Amino acid sequence: MSLGRVLLCILFPPLAVLDKGCGSIVIVTLLTIVGWVPGVIGALVINNS
C-alpha cells in the first residue's frame, strides 16, 4: 500500500475504498458515521487485503 493511499485512508476513508466495490464503500461510510477512527481502521484493513 502506497503512502498516498494511507493518507487517503486517514483523511477520507470512504474515498480510499472506491475501487474495492459497493459493499466496502457502504461499510466504511457507516463506520465513519459512527466514528472517524473506526472508519479509518476499516479503510486500512480493506485496502491492505
N, C-alpha and C. Protein backbone atom coordinates (compact mmCIF):
# COMPACT_ATOMS: atom_id res chain seq x y z
N MET A 1 0.86 -1.17 0.00
CA MET A 1 0.00 0.00 0.00
C MET A 1 0.91 1.24 0.00
N SER A 2 0.60 2.18 -0.87
CA SER A 2 1.44 3.36 -1.01
C SER A 2 1.13 4.39 0.07
N LEU A 3 2.03 5.33 0.21
CA LEU A 3 1.86 6.39 1.20
C LEU A 3 0.65 7.25 0.88
N GLY A 4 0.40 7.48 -0.40
CA GLY A 4 -0.77 8.26 -0.80
C GLY A 4 -2.07 7.59 -0.41
N ARG A 5 -2.10 6.27 -0.57
CA ARG A 5 -3.32 5.52 -0.22
C ARG A 5 -3.53 5.55 1.29
N VAL A 6 -2.46 5.45 2.07
CA VAL A 6 -2.57 5.51 3.53
C VAL A 6 -3.09 6.88 3.97
N LEU A 7 -2.56 7.94 3.37
CA LEU A 7 -3.03 9.28 3.70
C LEU A 7 -4.50 9.46 3.31
N LEU A 8 -4.90 8.90 2.18
CA LEU A 8 -6.30 8.97 1.78
C LEU A 8 -7.19 8.21 2.75
N CYS A 9 -6.70 7.06 3.25
CA CYS A 9 -7.46 6.30 4.26
C CYS A 9 -7.64 7.11 5.53
N ILE A 10 -6.64 7.87 5.90
CA ILE A 10 -6.71 8.64 7.13
C ILE A 10 -7.59 9.88 6.96
N LEU A 11 -7.46 10.56 5.83
CA LEU A 11 -8.20 11.81 5.65
C LEU A 11 -9.64 11.60 5.18
N PHE A 12 -9.84 10.72 4.20
CA PHE A 12 -11.17 10.48 3.62
C PHE A 12 -11.39 8.98 3.44
N PRO A 13 -11.75 8.27 4.52
CA PRO A 13 -11.86 6.81 4.43
C PRO A 13 -12.79 6.28 3.32
N PRO A 14 -13.98 6.85 3.10
CA PRO A 14 -14.82 6.29 2.03
C PRO A 14 -14.21 6.44 0.63
N LEU A 15 -13.48 7.51 0.39
CA LEU A 15 -12.86 7.70 -0.92
C LEU A 15 -11.72 6.71 -1.16
N ALA A 16 -11.11 6.24 -0.10
CA ALA A 16 -9.98 5.33 -0.24
C ALA A 16 -10.40 3.95 -0.69
N VAL A 17 -11.67 3.60 -0.54
CA VAL A 17 -12.13 2.25 -0.91
C VAL A 17 -13.06 2.27 -2.13
N LEU A 18 -13.02 3.33 -2.92
CA LEU A 18 -13.91 3.42 -4.08
C LEU A 18 -13.68 2.30 -5.08
N ASP A 19 -12.44 1.85 -5.23
CA ASP A 19 -12.15 0.82 -6.22
C ASP A 19 -12.35 -0.59 -5.69
N LYS A 20 -12.80 -0.74 -4.46
CA LYS A 20 -12.97 -2.06 -3.85
C LYS A 20 -14.39 -2.60 -3.96
N GLY A 21 -15.33 -1.81 -4.42
CA GLY A 21 -16.70 -2.29 -4.59
C GLY A 21 -17.69 -1.56 -3.71
N CYS A 22 -18.96 -1.76 -4.02
CA CYS A 22 -20.04 -1.05 -3.36
C CYS A 22 -20.17 -1.44 -1.88
N GLY A 23 -20.01 -2.70 -1.57
CA GLY A 23 -20.14 -3.16 -0.19
C GLY A 23 -19.10 -2.53 0.72
N SER A 24 -17.89 -2.42 0.22
CA SER A 24 -16.81 -1.81 1.01
C SER A 24 -17.09 -0.34 1.27
N ILE A 25 -17.61 0.34 0.27
CA ILE A 25 -17.92 1.76 0.43
C ILE A 25 -18.99 1.95 1.50
N VAL A 26 -20.01 1.11 1.47
CA VAL A 26 -21.11 1.22 2.44
C VAL A 26 -20.59 0.94 3.85
N ILE A 27 -19.79 -0.11 4.01
CA ILE A 27 -19.27 -0.47 5.33
C ILE A 27 -18.41 0.66 5.89
N VAL A 28 -17.49 1.16 5.09
CA VAL A 28 -16.59 2.21 5.57
C VAL A 28 -17.35 3.51 5.83
N THR A 29 -18.34 3.81 5.02
CA THR A 29 -19.14 5.01 5.26
C THR A 29 -19.90 4.91 6.57
N LEU A 30 -20.51 3.76 6.82
CA LEU A 30 -21.21 3.57 8.09
C LEU A 30 -20.27 3.65 9.28
N LEU A 31 -19.10 3.04 9.15
CA LEU A 31 -18.12 3.12 10.23
C LEU A 31 -17.64 4.55 10.45
N THR A 32 -17.50 5.31 9.38
CA THR A 32 -17.07 6.70 9.51
C THR A 32 -18.16 7.55 10.16
N ILE A 33 -19.42 7.25 9.87
CA ILE A 33 -20.52 7.98 10.51
C ILE A 33 -20.54 7.70 12.01
N VAL A 34 -20.29 6.43 12.38
CA VAL A 34 -20.27 6.06 13.80
C VAL A 34 -19.11 6.77 14.51
N GLY A 35 -17.99 6.80 13.86
CA GLY A 35 -16.82 7.46 14.42
C GLY A 35 -15.71 7.48 13.39
N TRP A 36 -14.89 8.51 13.44
CA TRP A 36 -13.84 8.65 12.44
C TRP A 36 -12.80 7.54 12.54
N VAL A 37 -12.41 7.17 13.75
CA VAL A 37 -11.38 6.15 13.95
C VAL A 37 -11.82 4.78 13.42
N PRO A 38 -13.04 4.31 13.69
CA PRO A 38 -13.45 3.03 13.09
C PRO A 38 -13.46 3.08 11.56
N GLY A 39 -13.81 4.21 10.98
CA GLY A 39 -13.78 4.35 9.53
C GLY A 39 -12.38 4.24 8.97
N VAL A 40 -11.43 4.87 9.64
CA VAL A 40 -10.03 4.81 9.21
C VAL A 40 -9.50 3.39 9.33
N ILE A 41 -9.80 2.72 10.43
CA ILE A 41 -9.34 1.34 10.62
C ILE A 41 -9.96 0.43 9.56
N GLY A 42 -11.24 0.59 9.30
CA GLY A 42 -11.90 -0.21 8.27
C GLY A 42 -11.30 0.02 6.89
N ALA A 43 -11.03 1.27 6.55
CA ALA A 43 -10.44 1.57 5.25
C ALA A 43 -9.04 0.98 5.14
N LEU A 44 -8.25 1.06 6.20
CA LEU A 44 -6.90 0.50 6.17
C LEU A 44 -6.95 -1.03 6.03
N VAL A 45 -7.86 -1.67 6.73
CA VAL A 45 -7.98 -3.13 6.64
C VAL A 45 -8.42 -3.55 5.25
N ILE A 46 -9.40 -2.88 4.68
CA ILE A 46 -9.89 -3.24 3.36
C ILE A 46 -8.82 -3.00 2.30
N ASN A 47 -8.09 -1.91 2.41
CA ASN A 47 -7.06 -1.63 1.42
C ASN A 47 -5.83 -2.52 1.59
N ASN A 48 -5.61 -3.04 2.76
CA ASN A 48 -4.45 -3.89 2.99
C ASN A 48 -4.67 -5.30 2.47
N SER A 49 -5.91 -5.73 2.34
CA SER A 49 -6.18 -7.10 1.87
C SER A 49 -6.26 -7.20 0.37
